Each structure stands twice: as structure tokens, then as C-alpha cells.
N, C-alpha and C. Protein backbone atom coordinates (compact mmCIF):
# COMPACT_ATOMS: atom_id res chain seq x y z
N MET A 1 179.82 45.65 -30.79
CA MET A 1 180.51 44.84 -29.77
C MET A 1 180.47 45.37 -28.39
N GLY A 2 180.07 44.60 -27.45
CA GLY A 2 179.89 45.02 -26.13
C GLY A 2 181.18 45.21 -25.23
N VAL A 3 181.27 45.78 -24.16
CA VAL A 3 182.52 45.94 -23.47
C VAL A 3 183.11 44.62 -23.09
N SER A 4 182.39 43.65 -22.67
CA SER A 4 182.98 42.21 -22.38
C SER A 4 183.62 41.56 -23.60
N GLU A 5 182.95 41.66 -24.56
CA GLU A 5 183.51 41.02 -25.87
C GLU A 5 184.64 41.72 -26.38
N ARG A 6 184.71 43.15 -26.20
CA ARG A 6 185.88 43.84 -26.68
C ARG A 6 187.02 43.60 -25.66
N ARG A 7 186.82 43.21 -24.42
CA ARG A 7 187.88 42.94 -23.50
C ARG A 7 188.41 41.49 -24.03
N ILE A 8 187.52 40.60 -24.25
CA ILE A 8 188.02 39.18 -24.57
C ILE A 8 188.83 39.44 -25.95
N ARG A 9 188.24 40.22 -26.92
CA ARG A 9 189.00 40.29 -28.10
C ARG A 9 190.38 41.03 -27.90
N GLU A 10 190.46 41.90 -27.00
CA GLU A 10 191.80 42.64 -26.76
C GLU A 10 192.71 41.68 -26.12
N ARG A 11 192.23 40.74 -25.27
CA ARG A 11 193.05 39.82 -24.54
C ARG A 11 193.67 38.83 -25.44
N LEU A 12 192.84 38.38 -26.46
CA LEU A 12 193.25 37.42 -27.49
C LEU A 12 194.31 38.02 -28.49
N ASP A 13 194.00 39.36 -28.72
CA ASP A 13 195.00 40.01 -29.65
C ASP A 13 196.38 40.11 -29.02
N ALA A 14 196.22 40.46 -27.62
CA ALA A 14 197.61 40.64 -26.92
C ALA A 14 198.19 39.29 -26.86
N ARG A 15 197.51 38.06 -26.61
CA ARG A 15 198.25 36.79 -26.53
C ARG A 15 198.81 36.52 -27.76
N GLN A 16 198.01 36.77 -28.89
CA GLN A 16 198.68 36.38 -30.26
C GLN A 16 199.88 37.27 -30.58
N SER A 17 199.82 38.56 -30.00
CA SER A 17 200.86 39.41 -30.33
C SER A 17 202.19 39.04 -29.57
N ILE A 18 202.06 38.48 -28.55
CA ILE A 18 202.94 37.90 -27.64
C ILE A 18 203.64 36.66 -28.31
N LEU A 19 202.83 35.84 -28.75
CA LEU A 19 203.27 34.53 -29.36
C LEU A 19 203.89 34.98 -30.65
N ALA A 20 203.54 35.80 -31.45
CA ALA A 20 204.17 36.14 -32.70
C ALA A 20 205.64 36.72 -32.45
N THR A 21 205.58 37.68 -31.54
CA THR A 21 206.87 38.40 -31.15
C THR A 21 207.94 37.15 -30.58
N ALA A 22 207.43 36.45 -29.72
CA ALA A 22 208.24 35.36 -29.05
C ALA A 22 208.88 34.43 -30.19
N ARG A 23 207.87 34.05 -31.05
CA ARG A 23 208.42 33.12 -32.12
C ARG A 23 209.51 33.79 -32.95
N GLU A 24 209.39 35.01 -33.27
CA GLU A 24 210.37 35.83 -34.08
C GLU A 24 211.62 35.82 -33.28
N LEU A 25 211.61 36.14 -32.03
CA LEU A 25 212.87 36.45 -31.28
C LEU A 25 213.47 34.80 -30.95
N PHE A 26 212.70 33.90 -30.73
CA PHE A 26 213.32 32.63 -30.56
C PHE A 26 214.03 32.12 -31.86
N LEU A 27 213.40 32.46 -33.00
CA LEU A 27 213.97 32.12 -34.31
C LEU A 27 215.40 33.00 -34.54
N LEU A 28 215.26 34.23 -34.10
CA LEU A 28 216.40 35.09 -34.42
C LEU A 28 217.57 34.97 -33.28
N LYS A 29 217.12 34.84 -32.18
CA LYS A 29 218.18 34.93 -30.96
C LYS A 29 218.38 33.38 -30.32
N GLY A 30 217.47 32.60 -30.61
CA GLY A 30 217.53 31.31 -29.95
C GLY A 30 216.79 31.49 -28.65
N PHE A 31 216.25 30.18 -28.16
CA PHE A 31 215.34 30.18 -27.08
C PHE A 31 215.97 30.72 -25.75
N GLU A 32 217.31 30.19 -25.47
CA GLU A 32 218.15 30.46 -24.35
C GLU A 32 218.39 31.97 -24.10
N ALA A 33 218.73 32.57 -25.33
CA ALA A 33 219.22 34.00 -25.22
C ALA A 33 217.82 35.15 -25.18
N THR A 34 216.75 34.61 -25.38
CA THR A 34 215.44 35.28 -25.36
C THR A 34 214.89 35.47 -24.10
N THR A 35 214.60 36.58 -23.46
CA THR A 35 214.12 36.74 -22.26
C THR A 35 212.67 37.29 -22.32
N ILE A 36 211.78 37.10 -21.29
CA ILE A 36 210.58 37.68 -21.07
C ILE A 36 210.69 39.39 -21.28
N ARG A 37 211.69 39.84 -20.82
CA ARG A 37 211.83 41.32 -20.90
C ARG A 37 212.06 41.54 -22.34
N ASN A 38 212.89 40.79 -23.09
CA ASN A 38 213.07 41.04 -24.68
C ASN A 38 211.89 41.05 -25.34
N ILE A 39 210.89 40.09 -24.93
CA ILE A 39 209.54 40.10 -25.70
C ILE A 39 208.78 41.22 -25.44
N ALA A 40 208.67 41.61 -24.11
CA ALA A 40 207.98 42.67 -23.66
C ALA A 40 208.36 44.00 -24.40
N GLU A 41 209.67 44.25 -24.40
CA GLU A 41 210.22 45.49 -24.79
C GLU A 41 209.93 45.57 -26.44
N LYS A 42 209.78 44.38 -27.12
CA LYS A 42 209.75 44.32 -28.66
C LYS A 42 208.37 44.86 -28.96
N ILE A 43 207.25 44.47 -28.06
CA ILE A 43 205.87 44.90 -28.23
C ILE A 43 205.35 45.89 -27.29
N GLU A 44 206.29 46.49 -26.60
CA GLU A 44 206.10 47.67 -25.75
C GLU A 44 205.13 47.28 -24.71
N TYR A 45 205.15 46.13 -24.19
CA TYR A 45 204.36 45.78 -22.94
C TYR A 45 205.33 45.65 -21.74
N SER A 46 204.63 45.70 -20.45
CA SER A 46 205.62 45.43 -19.40
C SER A 46 205.72 43.98 -19.24
N PRO A 47 206.72 43.36 -18.48
CA PRO A 47 206.86 41.99 -18.26
C PRO A 47 205.68 41.47 -17.46
N SER A 48 205.22 42.22 -16.60
CA SER A 48 204.09 41.86 -15.92
C SER A 48 202.86 41.45 -16.74
N THR A 49 202.58 42.32 -17.84
CA THR A 49 201.59 41.85 -18.84
C THR A 49 201.70 40.54 -19.42
N ILE A 50 203.05 40.24 -19.75
CA ILE A 50 203.38 38.97 -20.40
C ILE A 50 202.86 37.82 -19.37
N TYR A 51 203.20 37.97 -18.12
CA TYR A 51 202.92 36.95 -17.09
C TYR A 51 201.27 36.88 -16.89
N GLN A 52 200.55 37.89 -17.18
CA GLN A 52 199.10 37.78 -17.12
C GLN A 52 198.68 36.64 -18.15
N HIS A 53 199.32 36.47 -19.18
CA HIS A 53 198.90 35.39 -20.17
C HIS A 53 199.71 34.15 -20.19
N PHE A 54 200.94 34.10 -19.65
CA PHE A 54 201.70 33.00 -19.68
C PHE A 54 202.45 32.80 -18.41
N LYS A 55 202.71 31.54 -17.82
CA LYS A 55 203.34 31.23 -16.62
C LYS A 55 204.89 31.61 -16.73
N ASP A 56 205.35 31.41 -17.78
CA ASP A 56 206.88 31.60 -17.97
C ASP A 56 207.25 31.57 -19.46
N LYS A 57 208.42 31.64 -19.79
CA LYS A 57 208.98 31.56 -21.16
C LYS A 57 208.76 30.07 -21.75
N ASN A 58 208.90 29.07 -20.90
CA ASN A 58 208.57 27.79 -21.37
C ASN A 58 207.27 27.54 -21.81
N GLU A 59 206.25 28.17 -21.16
CA GLU A 59 204.86 28.02 -21.61
C GLU A 59 204.67 28.67 -22.89
N ILE A 60 205.33 29.93 -23.26
CA ILE A 60 205.15 30.50 -24.36
C ILE A 60 205.79 29.66 -25.56
N PHE A 61 206.87 29.13 -25.28
CA PHE A 61 207.52 28.12 -26.22
C PHE A 61 206.60 27.02 -26.55
N TYR A 62 206.10 26.40 -25.46
CA TYR A 62 205.22 25.16 -25.71
C TYR A 62 203.94 25.56 -26.56
N THR A 63 203.38 26.78 -26.23
CA THR A 63 202.31 27.23 -26.94
C THR A 63 202.56 27.18 -28.48
N ILE A 64 203.73 27.93 -28.74
CA ILE A 64 204.22 28.05 -30.24
C ILE A 64 204.44 26.66 -30.75
N HIS A 65 205.04 25.75 -29.96
CA HIS A 65 205.37 24.42 -30.24
C HIS A 65 204.06 23.63 -30.72
N SER A 66 202.91 23.76 -29.92
CA SER A 66 201.69 23.09 -30.08
C SER A 66 201.06 23.67 -31.44
N GLU A 67 201.03 24.93 -31.65
CA GLU A 67 200.41 25.57 -32.94
C GLU A 67 201.26 25.13 -34.11
N SER A 68 202.77 24.96 -33.87
CA SER A 68 203.47 24.53 -34.98
C SER A 68 203.07 23.09 -35.37
N PHE A 69 202.76 22.18 -34.48
CA PHE A 69 202.40 20.89 -34.77
C PHE A 69 201.15 20.89 -35.49
N ALA A 70 200.16 21.67 -35.07
CA ALA A 70 198.81 21.75 -35.78
C ALA A 70 199.14 22.12 -37.31
N GLU A 71 200.10 22.82 -37.56
CA GLU A 71 200.43 23.30 -38.95
C GLU A 71 201.00 22.17 -39.63
N LEU A 72 201.81 21.44 -38.96
CA LEU A 72 202.35 20.29 -39.62
C LEU A 72 201.33 19.15 -39.88
N VAL A 73 200.37 18.91 -39.16
CA VAL A 73 199.45 17.95 -39.30
C VAL A 73 198.57 18.28 -40.51
N ARG A 74 198.35 19.57 -40.64
CA ARG A 74 197.65 20.10 -41.86
C ARG A 74 198.37 19.71 -43.10
N TYR A 75 199.70 20.00 -43.11
CA TYR A 75 200.53 19.47 -44.22
C TYR A 75 200.40 17.96 -44.35
N LEU A 76 200.41 17.18 -43.43
CA LEU A 76 200.44 15.71 -43.49
C LEU A 76 199.14 15.29 -43.96
N ASN A 77 197.90 16.04 -43.72
CA ASN A 77 196.66 15.48 -44.13
C ASN A 77 196.56 15.45 -45.64
N ALA A 78 197.50 16.08 -46.34
CA ALA A 78 197.53 16.09 -47.89
C ALA A 78 197.77 14.74 -48.43
N SER A 79 198.52 13.92 -47.54
CA SER A 79 198.75 12.58 -47.95
C SER A 79 197.43 11.76 -48.21
N GLU A 80 196.36 12.09 -47.53
CA GLU A 80 195.08 11.29 -47.63
C GLU A 80 194.69 11.27 -49.16
N MET A 81 195.12 12.03 -49.96
CA MET A 81 194.63 12.06 -51.35
C MET A 81 194.97 10.64 -52.03
N HIS A 82 195.96 9.88 -51.43
CA HIS A 82 196.49 8.63 -51.99
C HIS A 82 195.55 7.47 -51.29
N LYS A 83 195.01 6.76 -52.11
CA LYS A 83 194.27 5.54 -51.64
C LYS A 83 195.08 4.38 -51.28
N ASN A 84 196.13 4.05 -52.00
CA ASN A 84 197.16 3.16 -51.64
C ASN A 84 197.95 3.43 -50.31
N PRO A 85 197.75 2.67 -49.24
CA PRO A 85 198.55 3.06 -48.11
C PRO A 85 200.10 3.25 -48.11
N MET A 86 200.66 2.50 -49.14
CA MET A 86 202.17 2.56 -49.38
C MET A 86 202.51 3.95 -50.04
N ASP A 87 201.63 4.32 -50.96
CA ASP A 87 201.76 5.63 -51.63
C ASP A 87 201.58 6.73 -50.65
N GLN A 88 200.50 6.58 -49.58
CA GLN A 88 200.28 7.42 -48.59
C GLN A 88 201.66 7.67 -47.49
N LEU A 89 202.19 6.48 -47.32
CA LEU A 89 203.21 6.56 -46.40
C LEU A 89 204.50 7.17 -46.95
N ILE A 90 204.66 6.93 -48.25
CA ILE A 90 205.88 7.81 -49.04
C ILE A 90 205.44 9.16 -49.10
N ALA A 91 204.22 9.54 -49.32
CA ALA A 91 203.76 10.82 -49.34
C ALA A 91 204.00 11.65 -48.07
N LEU A 92 203.70 10.90 -46.91
CA LEU A 92 203.92 11.30 -45.67
C LEU A 92 205.43 11.87 -45.32
N GLY A 93 206.24 10.88 -45.81
CA GLY A 93 207.73 11.19 -45.65
C GLY A 93 208.11 12.36 -46.44
N GLN A 94 207.68 12.46 -47.66
CA GLN A 94 208.12 13.52 -48.57
C GLN A 94 207.56 14.96 -48.10
N ILE A 95 206.23 14.86 -47.61
CA ILE A 95 205.73 16.12 -47.00
C ILE A 95 206.35 16.49 -45.63
N TYR A 96 206.77 15.62 -44.96
CA TYR A 96 207.56 15.89 -43.72
C TYR A 96 208.74 16.48 -44.01
N ILE A 97 209.56 15.93 -44.91
CA ILE A 97 210.74 16.47 -45.57
C ILE A 97 210.61 17.86 -46.08
N GLN A 98 209.68 18.07 -46.86
CA GLN A 98 209.35 19.38 -47.45
C GLN A 98 209.10 20.41 -46.35
N PHE A 99 208.15 20.05 -45.31
CA PHE A 99 207.86 20.98 -44.21
C PHE A 99 209.22 21.27 -43.60
N ALA A 100 210.10 20.43 -43.21
CA ALA A 100 211.35 20.74 -42.38
C ALA A 100 212.22 21.61 -43.27
N LEU A 101 212.32 21.24 -44.47
CA LEU A 101 213.29 22.02 -45.24
C LEU A 101 212.84 23.39 -45.57
N GLU A 102 211.45 23.52 -45.61
CA GLU A 102 210.90 25.09 -45.90
C GLU A 102 210.92 25.73 -44.64
N ASN A 103 210.90 25.09 -43.48
CA ASN A 103 210.85 25.80 -42.17
C ASN A 103 211.80 25.37 -41.23
N PRO A 104 213.21 25.40 -41.43
CA PRO A 104 214.09 24.85 -40.81
C PRO A 104 214.39 25.31 -39.24
N GLU A 105 214.14 26.72 -39.13
CA GLU A 105 214.18 27.15 -37.81
C GLU A 105 213.03 26.70 -36.98
N LEU A 106 211.74 26.59 -37.66
CA LEU A 106 210.66 26.10 -36.88
C LEU A 106 210.74 24.69 -36.46
N TYR A 107 211.23 23.84 -37.47
CA TYR A 107 211.50 22.49 -37.30
C TYR A 107 212.44 22.23 -36.04
N ASP A 108 213.46 23.17 -36.01
CA ASP A 108 214.48 23.07 -34.84
C ASP A 108 213.77 23.35 -33.46
N LEU A 109 212.72 24.31 -33.57
CA LEU A 109 211.96 24.64 -32.28
C LEU A 109 211.15 23.49 -31.94
N MET A 110 210.58 22.72 -32.93
CA MET A 110 209.66 21.65 -32.69
C MET A 110 210.10 20.35 -32.29
N PHE A 111 211.45 20.04 -32.72
CA PHE A 111 211.83 18.67 -32.54
C PHE A 111 213.08 18.68 -31.79
N ILE A 112 213.99 19.68 -31.80
CA ILE A 112 215.43 19.61 -31.42
C ILE A 112 215.59 20.28 -29.96
N MET A 113 215.12 21.40 -29.92
CA MET A 113 215.30 22.16 -28.63
C MET A 113 214.51 21.46 -27.59
N GLU A 114 214.95 21.47 -26.33
CA GLU A 114 214.36 20.66 -25.31
C GLU A 114 213.31 21.51 -24.37
N ALA A 115 213.22 22.84 -24.57
CA ALA A 115 212.26 23.54 -23.88
C ALA A 115 210.82 23.06 -23.88
N PRO A 116 210.08 22.76 -24.87
CA PRO A 116 208.85 22.13 -24.76
C PRO A 116 208.69 20.95 -23.93
N ILE A 117 209.67 20.08 -23.97
CA ILE A 117 209.71 18.82 -23.16
C ILE A 117 209.82 19.20 -21.70
N ASP A 118 210.66 20.20 -21.37
CA ASP A 118 210.84 20.66 -20.10
C ASP A 118 209.56 21.14 -19.47
N PHE A 119 208.67 21.83 -20.23
CA PHE A 119 207.55 22.44 -19.71
C PHE A 119 206.50 21.32 -19.30
N LEU A 120 206.58 20.07 -19.84
CA LEU A 120 205.59 18.98 -19.52
C LEU A 120 205.80 18.71 -17.99
N ASP A 121 206.83 19.10 -17.44
CA ASP A 121 207.07 18.70 -16.08
C ASP A 121 205.89 19.59 -15.23
N TYR A 122 205.47 20.61 -15.78
CA TYR A 122 204.43 21.59 -14.88
C TYR A 122 203.02 21.10 -15.30
N LEU A 123 202.85 20.27 -16.30
CA LEU A 123 201.46 19.84 -16.73
C LEU A 123 201.00 18.63 -15.94
N GLU A 124 199.60 18.47 -15.76
CA GLU A 124 199.18 17.40 -15.07
C GLU A 124 199.24 16.14 -15.98
N ASP A 125 199.04 16.25 -17.20
CA ASP A 125 199.19 15.26 -18.15
C ASP A 125 200.65 15.35 -18.97
N ALA A 126 201.56 14.64 -18.35
CA ALA A 126 203.00 14.75 -18.75
C ALA A 126 203.37 14.01 -19.98
N ASN A 127 202.31 14.14 -21.04
CA ASN A 127 202.54 13.44 -22.28
C ASN A 127 202.81 14.43 -23.41
N TRP A 128 203.63 13.98 -24.25
CA TRP A 128 203.90 15.03 -25.55
C TRP A 128 202.68 14.80 -26.48
N THR A 129 201.63 15.40 -26.08
CA THR A 129 200.32 15.24 -26.90
C THR A 129 200.54 15.47 -28.30
N GLU A 130 201.13 16.40 -28.70
CA GLU A 130 201.34 16.86 -30.17
C GLU A 130 202.32 15.77 -30.88
N GLY A 131 203.38 15.48 -30.29
CA GLY A 131 204.15 14.36 -30.82
C GLY A 131 203.53 13.03 -30.96
N LYS A 132 202.67 12.74 -30.04
CA LYS A 132 202.05 11.50 -29.96
C LYS A 132 201.01 11.39 -30.99
N MET A 133 200.29 12.52 -31.19
CA MET A 133 199.16 12.63 -32.32
C MET A 133 199.86 12.44 -33.74
N ALA A 134 201.00 12.91 -33.95
CA ALA A 134 201.75 12.69 -35.27
C ALA A 134 202.23 11.25 -35.32
N PHE A 135 202.83 10.89 -34.30
CA PHE A 135 203.30 9.47 -34.35
C PHE A 135 202.17 8.42 -34.53
N ASP A 136 201.05 8.63 -34.01
CA ASP A 136 199.90 7.76 -34.00
C ASP A 136 199.35 7.79 -35.47
N TYR A 137 199.40 8.90 -36.04
CA TYR A 137 198.97 9.09 -37.38
C TYR A 137 199.86 8.19 -38.42
N LEU A 138 201.16 8.40 -38.22
CA LEU A 138 202.18 7.58 -38.90
C LEU A 138 201.87 6.12 -38.84
N LYS A 139 201.67 5.74 -37.48
CA LYS A 139 201.40 4.24 -37.14
C LYS A 139 200.29 3.79 -37.84
N SER A 140 199.12 4.48 -37.84
CA SER A 140 197.98 3.93 -38.55
C SER A 140 198.08 3.76 -40.14
N VAL A 141 198.91 4.66 -40.61
CA VAL A 141 199.27 4.41 -42.11
C VAL A 141 200.16 3.09 -42.26
N ILE A 142 200.99 2.86 -41.46
CA ILE A 142 202.09 1.80 -41.52
C ILE A 142 201.17 0.56 -41.27
N ALA A 143 200.18 0.55 -40.35
CA ALA A 143 199.45 -0.67 -39.95
C ALA A 143 198.55 -0.98 -41.25
N ASN A 144 198.00 0.01 -42.02
CA ASN A 144 197.36 -0.18 -43.10
C ASN A 144 198.26 -0.94 -44.19
N CYS A 145 199.44 -0.52 -44.35
CA CYS A 145 200.43 -1.12 -45.25
C CYS A 145 200.60 -2.56 -44.89
N ILE A 146 200.78 -2.94 -43.53
CA ILE A 146 201.02 -4.22 -43.13
C ILE A 146 199.77 -5.14 -43.43
N GLN A 147 198.61 -4.62 -43.02
CA GLN A 147 197.28 -5.29 -43.30
C GLN A 147 197.06 -5.64 -44.75
N GLN A 148 197.58 -4.81 -45.59
CA GLN A 148 197.35 -5.07 -47.04
C GLN A 148 198.44 -5.88 -47.69
N GLY A 149 199.50 -6.19 -46.87
CA GLY A 149 200.58 -6.95 -47.31
C GLY A 149 201.66 -6.31 -48.02
N LEU A 150 201.66 -4.96 -48.00
CA LEU A 150 202.62 -4.11 -48.70
C LEU A 150 203.85 -4.01 -47.92
N ILE A 151 203.84 -4.18 -46.76
CA ILE A 151 205.21 -4.23 -45.80
C ILE A 151 205.19 -5.48 -45.03
N LYS A 152 206.18 -6.17 -44.89
CA LYS A 152 206.29 -7.36 -44.13
C LYS A 152 205.92 -7.15 -42.74
N GLU A 153 204.95 -8.09 -42.19
CA GLU A 153 204.54 -7.87 -40.87
C GLU A 153 205.58 -7.89 -39.85
N THR A 154 205.57 -7.09 -38.98
CA THR A 154 206.67 -6.84 -37.87
C THR A 154 205.96 -6.13 -36.75
N ASP A 155 206.81 -5.78 -35.75
CA ASP A 155 206.41 -4.93 -34.72
C ASP A 155 205.96 -3.48 -35.01
N LEU A 156 204.73 -3.16 -35.08
CA LEU A 156 204.35 -1.97 -35.59
C LEU A 156 205.03 -0.74 -34.88
N GLU A 157 205.09 -0.66 -33.57
CA GLU A 157 205.58 0.35 -32.85
C GLU A 157 207.14 0.55 -33.23
N SER A 158 207.79 -0.40 -33.24
CA SER A 158 209.22 -0.31 -33.56
C SER A 158 209.48 0.05 -34.94
N LEU A 159 208.64 -0.40 -35.92
CA LEU A 159 208.85 0.04 -37.26
C LEU A 159 208.60 1.39 -37.51
N SER A 160 207.44 1.86 -36.79
CA SER A 160 207.08 3.18 -36.99
C SER A 160 208.16 4.25 -36.35
N TYR A 161 208.69 3.81 -35.28
CA TYR A 161 209.80 4.50 -34.70
C TYR A 161 210.99 4.67 -35.59
N LEU A 162 211.41 3.56 -36.20
CA LEU A 162 212.50 3.40 -37.10
C LEU A 162 212.28 4.37 -38.41
N ILE A 163 211.08 4.44 -38.87
CA ILE A 163 210.75 5.18 -40.06
C ILE A 163 210.75 6.85 -39.76
N TRP A 164 210.18 7.01 -38.60
CA TRP A 164 210.12 8.40 -38.11
C TRP A 164 211.59 8.93 -37.75
N SER A 165 212.44 8.06 -37.03
CA SER A 165 213.74 8.30 -36.80
C SER A 165 214.68 8.49 -38.01
N THR A 166 214.45 7.88 -39.05
CA THR A 166 215.27 7.76 -40.22
C THR A 166 214.93 9.18 -40.98
N VAL A 167 213.62 9.49 -41.20
CA VAL A 167 213.30 10.72 -41.75
C VAL A 167 213.78 11.98 -41.10
N HIS A 168 213.64 11.95 -39.66
CA HIS A 168 214.13 12.97 -38.81
C HIS A 168 215.61 13.13 -38.98
N GLY A 169 216.28 12.01 -38.97
CA GLY A 169 217.89 12.22 -39.08
C GLY A 169 218.18 12.79 -40.35
N LEU A 170 217.53 12.45 -41.34
CA LEU A 170 217.89 12.95 -42.74
C LEU A 170 217.80 14.53 -42.62
N VAL A 171 216.57 14.98 -42.26
CA VAL A 171 216.36 16.45 -42.26
C VAL A 171 217.25 17.23 -41.15
N THR A 172 217.35 16.48 -40.07
CA THR A 172 218.23 17.20 -39.05
C THR A 172 219.65 17.44 -39.54
N ILE A 173 220.21 16.37 -40.12
CA ILE A 173 221.58 16.55 -40.69
C ILE A 173 221.66 17.63 -41.57
N SER A 174 220.72 17.88 -42.38
CA SER A 174 220.69 18.98 -43.31
C SER A 174 220.52 20.28 -42.64
N ILE A 175 219.42 20.45 -41.66
CA ILE A 175 219.27 21.64 -41.10
C ILE A 175 220.34 22.20 -40.39
N ARG A 176 221.13 21.25 -39.74
CA ARG A 176 222.13 21.65 -38.82
C ARG A 176 223.45 21.76 -39.63
N LYS A 177 223.30 21.74 -40.93
CA LYS A 177 224.55 21.89 -41.97
C LYS A 177 225.55 20.97 -41.78
N ARG A 178 225.18 19.76 -41.25
CA ARG A 178 226.31 18.72 -41.15
C ARG A 178 226.47 18.09 -42.64
N GLY A 179 225.70 18.10 -43.61
CA GLY A 179 225.77 17.61 -44.84
C GLY A 179 227.06 18.36 -45.56
N LEU A 180 226.91 19.61 -45.45
CA LEU A 180 227.83 20.54 -46.09
C LEU A 180 229.22 20.25 -45.50
N LYS A 181 229.32 20.00 -44.11
CA LYS A 181 230.41 19.74 -43.54
C LYS A 181 231.20 18.43 -44.02
N ILE A 182 230.50 17.48 -44.62
CA ILE A 182 231.15 16.29 -45.01
C ILE A 182 231.43 16.34 -46.61
N GLY A 183 231.06 17.54 -47.12
CA GLY A 183 231.40 17.71 -48.76
C GLY A 183 230.05 17.47 -49.53
N LEU A 184 228.88 17.26 -48.96
CA LEU A 184 227.92 17.06 -49.83
C LEU A 184 227.51 18.48 -50.71
N SER A 185 227.46 18.40 -52.08
CA SER A 185 227.21 19.71 -52.65
C SER A 185 225.76 20.19 -52.58
N ASP A 186 224.84 19.04 -52.47
CA ASP A 186 223.40 19.40 -52.56
C ASP A 186 222.75 18.47 -51.47
N PRO A 187 222.88 18.83 -50.22
CA PRO A 187 222.23 18.01 -49.16
C PRO A 187 220.79 17.82 -49.23
N ASP A 188 220.02 18.85 -49.71
CA ASP A 188 218.48 18.67 -49.77
C ASP A 188 218.25 17.60 -50.95
N THR A 189 218.86 17.60 -52.08
CA THR A 189 218.65 16.62 -53.14
C THR A 189 219.02 15.22 -52.58
N ILE A 190 220.11 15.17 -51.78
CA ILE A 190 220.60 13.90 -51.34
C ILE A 190 219.45 13.27 -50.29
N ILE A 191 218.94 14.25 -49.51
CA ILE A 191 217.72 13.83 -48.67
C ILE A 191 216.61 13.16 -49.57
N GLN A 192 216.20 13.67 -50.64
CA GLN A 192 215.12 13.17 -51.35
C GLN A 192 215.51 11.87 -51.89
N ARG A 193 216.81 11.72 -52.48
CA ARG A 193 217.24 10.49 -53.09
C ARG A 193 217.31 9.26 -51.92
N SER A 194 217.93 9.83 -50.94
CA SER A 194 218.08 8.82 -49.65
C SER A 194 216.68 8.24 -49.16
N PHE A 195 215.71 9.16 -49.01
CA PHE A 195 214.39 8.78 -48.77
C PHE A 195 213.73 7.78 -49.68
N ALA A 196 214.00 8.10 -51.09
CA ALA A 196 213.48 7.24 -52.17
C ALA A 196 214.01 5.78 -52.01
N ILE A 197 215.46 5.73 -51.65
CA ILE A 197 216.13 4.40 -51.44
C ILE A 197 215.47 3.73 -50.27
N PHE A 198 215.24 4.38 -49.11
CA PHE A 198 214.65 3.95 -47.91
C PHE A 198 213.35 3.35 -48.21
N SER A 199 212.52 4.31 -49.02
CA SER A 199 211.06 3.77 -49.25
C SER A 199 211.10 2.49 -50.05
N HIS A 200 211.96 2.37 -50.95
CA HIS A 200 212.02 1.01 -51.68
C HIS A 200 212.28 -0.23 -50.90
N LEU A 201 213.26 0.14 -49.81
CA LEU A 201 213.61 -0.87 -48.97
C LEU A 201 212.50 -1.38 -48.09
N LEU A 202 211.47 -0.52 -47.94
CA LEU A 202 210.38 -0.86 -47.04
C LEU A 202 209.33 -1.74 -47.74
N VAL A 203 209.25 -1.78 -49.14
CA VAL A 203 208.17 -2.45 -49.78
C VAL A 203 208.54 -4.03 -49.72
N LYS A 204 207.46 -4.67 -49.34
CA LYS A 204 207.67 -6.13 -49.19
C LYS A 204 207.97 -6.73 -50.55
N SER A 205 208.95 -7.51 -50.72
CA SER A 205 209.41 -8.25 -51.96
C SER A 205 208.73 -9.58 -52.05
């Protein structure tokens, strides 16, 4: 390996170390309580070294956020094993719920904290690309359901938003421990049962 290749590799390794450490601290301390200095001290870098790789803490958060969405999409791709689009749609919901319940802190970073959205103000393309990609994937599956007469024809975008919001609400209530506060003995099981009922309501009668 030549000098230039080694420098590139070292820079990539440093960047990944920063991201891994920041993710650990964000999950442990929360985004607001974590500082660039905290991240730097954890990996024995100077704060100036962090700034050589990232504009600020929001950019670090946004990068973690983007990589997390790529992981979610890999999960969702497993739904493509189902040839029937309604089965695929139900599988999407089940996979989404599984991902959220297995990675509650990460889900919180991805969907609930505002930091990644704030960072969009700094970008030339102020679109939530990762969120749009996942939403468009959902829309395409629902469109196939409508085309095959499995779901009553309606406004595609509104129905897609309703389905996403419903599943998001189910997992968010559980992740934020609200189900326990109203006396549910097993909120995670309730989520699965509630989604099964919701899926049944979607099927065209």
C-alpha cells in the first residue's frame, strides 16, 4: 500500500471511528447532551480533528441517520420474497415493527429526534432523501395492491401516509414506554396484534 492509499485509509478509519463513537454517545447520553468535545475525548482526538471530517454535530448525526436508513432498507428488502403485493405489504409492516423493537434507541434517532431534519437547512437539496426513499418504496407496494384489486382504489399518497403513520405510532408508543403507563402488560405483543387487525381492515372486501 502506497503513502497516498494509506492516508486515504487512515482518514476513512478515523471517520468511521468518529461515527461509531458518536452513535454510542448519542444513544447513551442523548443528542443534546453530547458535545463534539465528548466525542473527541472518547477516542482521544482533538476537537479540531473532528471538524476536519464533519461540519458540526448535526452533520455527524445526519450521517449516522443516513447509514441507519440504509440498514432499514436492507431489512425491508426481505419483503420481496412475497409475490403477492398484499403479503408483501403486511411483511413490510412486520419487518418495520421488528426493526424498531430490536433497535429502539436507533429508531428514536432516526424518526423522533429533530437533529437530522435541522441539518437539512445546510444542504442544497433540502429533501429528506432517506425518508423519501423508504416512503416511495411503501407507495410502490401499495400501488401494486391497488392495481391488483387487493385494496380499494383511493388516493395513493394519503393511504401510504396513513399506513406509515399508523405503524410508526404503534412502535413509538411502545418505545417511549407509553403502553406500560396505561397498564398494558405486554405492549410488544399488543403491537403485533394491533397491526394484524389493521392489516385485515386494509384488505378489500
